[in-house]
């Protein structure tokens, strides 16, 4: 299982599409606290977190295959 770490550099993102998403205020506050003092943006943090979650989900599904 891959661990999430705050990205130290803003990754270069290939082509992208703008999506609007609502976050609970407490989650926004926690993310902003986590990235304080880093070069990481809110978007970069969320993108990395989603990638880690997808990797972990894929690993879990592969383990469950008969």
N, C-alpha and C. Protein backbone atom coordinates (compact mmCIF):
# COMPACT_ATOMS: atom_id res chain seq x y z
N UNK A 1 0.84 -1.17 0.00
CA UNK A 1 0.00 0.00 0.00
C UNK A 1 0.89 1.24 0.00
N UNK A 2 0.60 2.14 -0.87
CA UNK A 2 1.38 3.36 -1.01
C UNK A 2 0.94 4.38 0.03
N UNK A 3 1.91 5.05 0.64
CA UNK A 3 1.60 6.09 1.62
C UNK A 3 1.51 7.43 0.94
N UNK A 4 0.65 8.29 1.48
CA UNK A 4 0.54 9.64 0.95
C UNK A 4 1.55 10.54 1.61
N UNK A 5 2.23 11.33 0.81
CA UNK A 5 3.14 12.35 1.33
C UNK A 5 2.86 13.65 0.61
N UNK A 6 2.97 14.74 1.34
CA UNK A 6 2.75 16.05 0.73
C UNK A 6 3.78 16.24 -0.37
N UNK A 7 3.33 16.52 -1.60
CA UNK A 7 4.29 16.74 -2.68
C UNK A 7 5.17 17.94 -2.36
N UNK A 8 6.47 17.79 -2.51
CA UNK A 8 7.41 18.87 -2.23
C UNK A 8 7.49 19.86 -3.38
N UNK A 9 7.23 19.39 -4.56
CA UNK A 9 7.25 20.26 -5.73
C UNK A 9 5.91 20.13 -6.44
N UNK A 10 5.51 21.19 -7.06
CA UNK A 10 4.28 21.15 -7.82
C UNK A 10 4.55 20.31 -9.08
N UNK A 11 3.84 19.19 -9.20
CA UNK A 11 4.10 18.32 -10.36
C UNK A 11 3.61 18.97 -11.65
N UNK A 12 4.31 18.66 -12.72
CA UNK A 12 3.85 19.10 -14.03
C UNK A 12 2.73 18.16 -14.44
N UNK A 13 1.57 18.72 -14.62
CA UNK A 13 0.41 17.91 -14.94
C UNK A 13 0.16 17.97 -16.43
N UNK A 14 0.04 16.79 -17.05
CA UNK A 14 -0.28 16.78 -18.47
C UNK A 14 -1.66 17.40 -18.68
N UNK A 15 -2.17 17.32 -19.86
CA UNK A 15 -3.45 17.94 -20.15
C UNK A 15 -4.43 17.66 -19.02
N UNK A 16 -5.23 18.64 -18.74
CA UNK A 16 -6.16 18.49 -17.62
C UNK A 16 -7.49 19.14 -17.96
N UNK A 17 -8.47 18.81 -17.16
CA UNK A 17 -9.80 19.35 -17.29
C UNK A 17 -10.21 19.95 -15.96
N UNK A 18 -10.79 21.10 -15.99
CA UNK A 18 -11.23 21.75 -14.78
C UNK A 18 -12.50 21.07 -14.26
N UNK A 19 -12.50 20.68 -12.99
CA UNK A 19 -13.66 20.09 -12.34
C UNK A 19 -13.94 20.88 -11.07
N UNK A 20 -15.18 21.12 -10.82
CA UNK A 20 -15.57 21.81 -9.60
C UNK A 20 -16.00 20.77 -8.58
N UNK A 21 -15.48 20.89 -7.36
CA UNK A 21 -15.81 19.92 -6.32
C UNK A 21 -15.97 20.67 -5.00
N UNK A 22 -16.92 20.25 -4.21
CA UNK A 22 -17.14 20.87 -2.91
C UNK A 22 -16.46 20.02 -1.84
N UNK A 23 -15.73 20.69 -0.96
CA UNK A 23 -15.08 20.03 0.17
C UNK A 23 -15.70 20.54 1.46
N UNK A 24 -15.85 19.68 2.44
CA UNK A 24 -16.27 20.18 3.75
C UNK A 24 -15.21 21.15 4.28
N UNK A 25 -15.65 22.18 4.98
CA UNK A 25 -14.72 23.20 5.47
C UNK A 25 -13.61 22.61 6.34
N UNK A 26 -13.94 21.60 7.15
CA UNK A 26 -12.90 21.03 8.01
C UNK A 26 -11.82 20.33 7.20
N UNK A 27 -12.19 19.73 6.06
CA UNK A 27 -11.19 19.08 5.20
C UNK A 27 -10.30 20.14 4.56
N UNK A 28 -10.89 21.23 4.11
CA UNK A 28 -10.11 22.32 3.52
C UNK A 28 -9.10 22.84 4.54
N UNK A 29 -9.56 23.05 5.77
CA UNK A 29 -8.67 23.55 6.81
C UNK A 29 -7.51 22.58 7.08
N UNK A 30 -7.81 21.28 7.08
CA UNK A 30 -6.77 20.29 7.34
C UNK A 30 -5.75 20.24 6.20
N UNK A 31 -6.22 20.32 4.96
CA UNK A 31 -5.31 20.32 3.82
C UNK A 31 -4.45 21.57 3.85
N UNK A 32 -5.06 22.71 4.08
CA UNK A 32 -4.29 23.96 4.12
C UNK A 32 -3.25 23.93 5.23
N UNK A 33 -3.59 23.33 6.37
CA UNK A 33 -2.62 23.21 7.46
C UNK A 33 -1.47 22.29 7.06
N UNK A 34 -1.80 21.21 6.34
CA UNK A 34 -0.78 20.24 5.94
C UNK A 34 0.20 20.82 4.93
N UNK A 35 -0.25 21.73 4.08
CA UNK A 35 0.63 22.27 3.04
C UNK A 35 1.29 23.58 3.44
N UNK A 36 0.96 24.09 4.62
CA UNK A 36 1.58 25.33 5.08
C UNK A 36 3.09 25.16 5.15
N UNK A 37 3.80 26.11 4.57
CA UNK A 37 5.26 26.07 4.59
C UNK A 37 5.88 25.22 3.51
N UNK A 38 5.06 24.71 2.61
CA UNK A 38 5.59 23.91 1.50
C UNK A 38 5.30 24.66 0.20
N UNK A 39 5.86 24.15 -0.89
CA UNK A 39 5.58 24.72 -2.22
C UNK A 39 4.38 24.04 -2.85
N UNK A 40 3.68 23.22 -2.09
CA UNK A 40 2.55 22.45 -2.61
C UNK A 40 1.29 23.30 -2.63
N UNK A 41 0.54 23.18 -3.71
CA UNK A 41 -0.74 23.87 -3.80
C UNK A 41 -1.85 22.94 -3.33
N UNK A 42 -3.01 23.51 -3.07
CA UNK A 42 -4.18 22.72 -2.69
C UNK A 42 -4.48 21.68 -3.76
N UNK A 43 -4.48 22.12 -5.01
CA UNK A 43 -4.79 21.20 -6.12
C UNK A 43 -3.78 20.07 -6.22
N UNK A 44 -2.49 20.38 -6.09
CA UNK A 44 -1.46 19.34 -6.18
C UNK A 44 -1.63 18.32 -5.06
N UNK A 45 -1.97 18.81 -3.87
CA UNK A 45 -2.19 17.92 -2.73
C UNK A 45 -3.35 16.97 -3.02
N UNK A 46 -4.46 17.52 -3.48
CA UNK A 46 -5.66 16.71 -3.73
C UNK A 46 -5.40 15.71 -4.86
N UNK A 47 -4.72 16.14 -5.91
CA UNK A 47 -4.42 15.23 -7.02
C UNK A 47 -3.56 14.07 -6.55
N UNK A 48 -2.54 14.35 -5.76
CA UNK A 48 -1.68 13.28 -5.25
C UNK A 48 -2.46 12.35 -4.33
N UNK A 49 -3.32 12.90 -3.48
CA UNK A 49 -4.13 12.07 -2.58
C UNK A 49 -5.05 11.14 -3.37
N UNK A 50 -5.65 11.65 -4.43
CA UNK A 50 -6.53 10.82 -5.26
C UNK A 50 -5.72 9.74 -5.97
N UNK A 51 -4.55 10.08 -6.46
CA UNK A 51 -3.71 9.07 -7.13
C UNK A 51 -3.32 7.95 -6.16
N UNK A 52 -2.95 8.31 -4.95
CA UNK A 52 -2.61 7.31 -3.94
C UNK A 52 -3.82 6.43 -3.65
N UNK A 53 -4.98 7.04 -3.48
CA UNK A 53 -6.20 6.28 -3.21
C UNK A 53 -6.52 5.32 -4.36
N UNK A 54 -6.36 5.78 -5.58
CA UNK A 54 -6.63 4.92 -6.74
C UNK A 54 -5.63 3.76 -6.82
N UNK A 55 -4.36 4.03 -6.56
CA UNK A 55 -3.34 2.97 -6.54
C UNK A 55 -3.68 1.93 -5.48
N UNK A 56 -4.05 2.40 -4.28
CA UNK A 56 -4.37 1.48 -3.20
C UNK A 56 -5.62 0.67 -3.52
N UNK A 57 -6.61 1.30 -4.12
CA UNK A 57 -7.83 0.59 -4.52
C UNK A 57 -7.51 -0.49 -5.56
N UNK A 58 -6.68 -0.14 -6.54
CA UNK A 58 -6.29 -1.11 -7.57
C UNK A 58 -5.56 -2.29 -6.94
N UNK A 59 -4.64 -2.03 -6.01
CA UNK A 59 -3.91 -3.11 -5.33
C UNK A 59 -4.88 -4.00 -4.57
N UNK A 60 -5.83 -3.40 -3.89
CA UNK A 60 -6.81 -4.15 -3.11
C UNK A 60 -7.66 -5.04 -4.03
N UNK A 61 -8.07 -4.49 -5.16
CA UNK A 61 -8.89 -5.27 -6.10
C UNK A 61 -8.10 -6.42 -6.70
N UNK A 62 -6.82 -6.23 -6.95
CA UNK A 62 -5.98 -7.29 -7.50
C UNK A 62 -5.81 -8.42 -6.50
N UNK A 63 -5.72 -8.07 -5.22
CA UNK A 63 -5.58 -9.10 -4.17
C UNK A 63 -6.86 -9.91 -4.02
N UNK A 64 -7.99 -9.30 -4.31
CA UNK A 64 -9.29 -9.96 -4.13
C UNK A 64 -9.67 -10.84 -5.32
N UNK A 65 -8.94 -10.73 -6.42
CA UNK A 65 -9.26 -11.56 -7.60
C UNK A 65 -8.96 -13.01 -7.26
N UNK A 66 -9.86 -13.92 -7.70
CA UNK A 66 -9.64 -15.35 -7.42
C UNK A 66 -8.48 -15.92 -8.19
